[in-house]
């Protein structure tokens, strides 16, 4: 079984805290910008002054991404594959195969560095 991770992008609403130079801190509901983050500034509801975003404590549920069943992305180099364990391979056999793969990978790196 494989999974695909989906990361949120632009478009969703966020409740952020901003600092008005005249009225102090206030919260505002803003739309994410193109990179998925909140905007750096907004206008104060009371006076209309430009207000910068400030860091605040997390309030409520934070959903950074979600997992969906389907084909997974390619694995990075050095990734330890545990699929054989799920398919019924014994722990000893799996450990031996991982040790052999690690040894072979290290041998390849050393030979490349030595120019062999």
Protein backbone atom coordinates (compact mmCIF):
# COMPACT_ATOMS: atom_id res chain seq x y z
CA UNK A 1 0.00 0.00 0.00
CA UNK A 2 1.39 3.43 -0.90
CA UNK A 3 0.35 6.98 -0.02
CA UNK A 4 0.71 10.41 -1.58
CA UNK A 5 1.09 13.57 0.51
CA UNK A 6 -0.73 16.66 -0.70
CA UNK A 7 0.34 20.07 0.63
CA UNK A 8 -2.07 22.99 0.77
CA UNK A 9 -1.41 25.92 -1.51
CA UNK A 10 -2.96 29.31 -2.19
CA UNK A 11 -6.62 30.07 -1.70
CA UNK A 12 -7.63 29.00 1.83
CA UNK A 13 -8.54 31.37 4.66
CA UNK A 14 -6.34 31.88 7.73
CA UNK A 15 -6.92 33.75 10.98
CA UNK A 16 -3.74 35.78 11.58
CA UNK A 17 -2.62 38.36 14.12
CA UNK A 18 -1.46 41.79 12.93
CA UNK A 19 0.06 44.82 14.69
CA UNK A 20 -1.49 48.25 14.06
CA UNK A 21 0.82 51.19 14.94
CA UNK A 22 -2.10 53.02 16.58
CA UNK A 23 -4.47 50.34 17.96
CA UNK A 24 -2.09 47.45 18.76
CA UNK A 25 -2.69 43.77 18.01
CA UNK A 26 -5.80 42.50 16.27
CA UNK A 27 -6.91 39.35 14.47
CA UNK A 28 -8.07 39.24 10.89
CA UNK A 29 -9.32 36.55 8.52
CA UNK A 30 -7.10 36.68 5.40
CA UNK A 31 -6.67 34.65 2.20
CA UNK A 32 -3.42 32.74 1.57
CA UNK A 33 -1.12 34.20 -1.07
CA UNK A 34 0.28 32.24 -4.05
CA UNK A 35 2.93 30.33 -2.02
CA UNK A 36 0.36 29.15 0.57
CA UNK A 37 1.46 31.54 3.34
CA UNK A 38 -0.53 34.43 4.84
CA UNK A 39 0.09 37.95 3.54
CA UNK A 40 2.81 40.01 5.26
CA UNK A 41 0.47 42.93 5.97
CA UNK A 42 -3.16 44.05 5.94
CA UNK A 43 -5.12 47.17 6.85
CA UNK A 44 -6.42 47.90 10.36
CA UNK A 45 -10.21 47.53 10.65
CA UNK A 46 -10.49 50.67 12.82
CA UNK A 47 -8.20 53.22 11.17
CA UNK A 48 -7.16 51.66 7.83
CA UNK A 49 -3.42 51.91 8.64
CA UNK A 50 -1.01 49.39 7.13
CA UNK A 51 -0.46 46.67 9.77
CA UNK A 52 2.26 43.99 9.68
CA UNK A 53 1.72 40.36 10.60
CA UNK A 54 3.10 39.26 13.99
CA UNK A 55 3.77 35.77 15.32
CA UNK A 56 1.09 34.46 17.63
CA UNK A 57 0.33 31.23 19.45
CA UNK A 58 -1.38 28.52 17.43
CA UNK A 59 -5.10 28.56 18.13
CA UNK A 60 -7.13 25.57 17.07
CA UNK A 61 -6.44 22.82 14.57
CA UNK A 62 -3.51 23.09 12.21
CA UNK A 63 -3.78 21.01 9.04
CA UNK A 64 -0.56 21.25 7.04
CA UNK A 65 -1.33 18.48 4.57
CA UNK A 66 -3.21 15.27 4.11
CA UNK A 67 -2.46 11.67 3.17
CA UNK A 68 -4.21 10.05 0.25
CA UNK A 69 -4.00 6.45 -0.90
CA UNK A 70 -2.31 6.05 -4.26
CA UNK A 71 1.10 5.88 -5.92
CA UNK A 72 3.91 7.36 -3.82
CA UNK A 73 6.71 9.64 -4.98
CA UNK A 74 10.18 8.30 -5.71
CA UNK A 75 12.17 7.58 -2.58
CA UNK A 76 15.32 9.58 -1.80
CA UNK A 77 18.76 7.90 -1.90
CA UNK A 78 19.52 6.01 1.30
CA UNK A 79 15.84 5.40 2.07
CA UNK A 80 15.29 2.19 4.03
CA UNK A 81 12.55 0.18 2.36
CA UNK A 82 10.35 -1.69 4.86
CA UNK A 83 7.95 -3.10 2.25
CA UNK A 84 9.55 -6.61 2.36
CA UNK A 85 8.74 -6.77 6.09
CA UNK A 86 5.10 -6.02 5.30
CA UNK A 87 5.17 -8.71 2.61
CA UNK A 88 6.24 -11.37 5.15
CA UNK A 89 10.06 -11.36 5.12
CA UNK A 90 11.57 -12.24 8.50
CA UNK A 91 13.29 -9.53 10.55
CA UNK A 92 16.67 -11.32 10.30
CA UNK A 93 16.51 -11.63 6.50
CA UNK A 94 15.45 -8.01 6.14
CA UNK A 95 18.22 -6.77 8.47
CA UNK A 96 20.81 -8.76 6.51
CA UNK A 97 19.61 -7.32 3.19
CA UNK A 98 19.64 -3.75 4.57
CA UNK A 99 23.16 -4.27 5.95
CA UNK A 100 24.34 -5.57 2.55
CA UNK A 101 22.74 -2.63 0.68
CA UNK A 102 24.31 -0.14 3.12
CA UNK A 103 27.73 -1.79 2.79
CA UNK A 104 27.50 -1.77 -1.03
CA UNK A 105 26.41 1.87 -1.09
CA UNK A 106 29.30 2.91 1.19
CA UNK A 107 31.78 0.90 -0.90
CA UNK A 108 30.55 2.68 -4.06
CA UNK A 109 30.96 6.13 -2.44
CA UNK A 110 34.49 5.31 -1.24
CA UNK A 111 35.50 4.02 -4.68
CA UNK A 112 34.12 7.17 -6.34
CA UNK A 113 36.10 9.37 -3.93
CA UNK A 114 39.28 7.38 -4.58
CA UNK A 115 38.74 7.51 -8.32
CA UNK A 116 38.54 3.74 -8.81
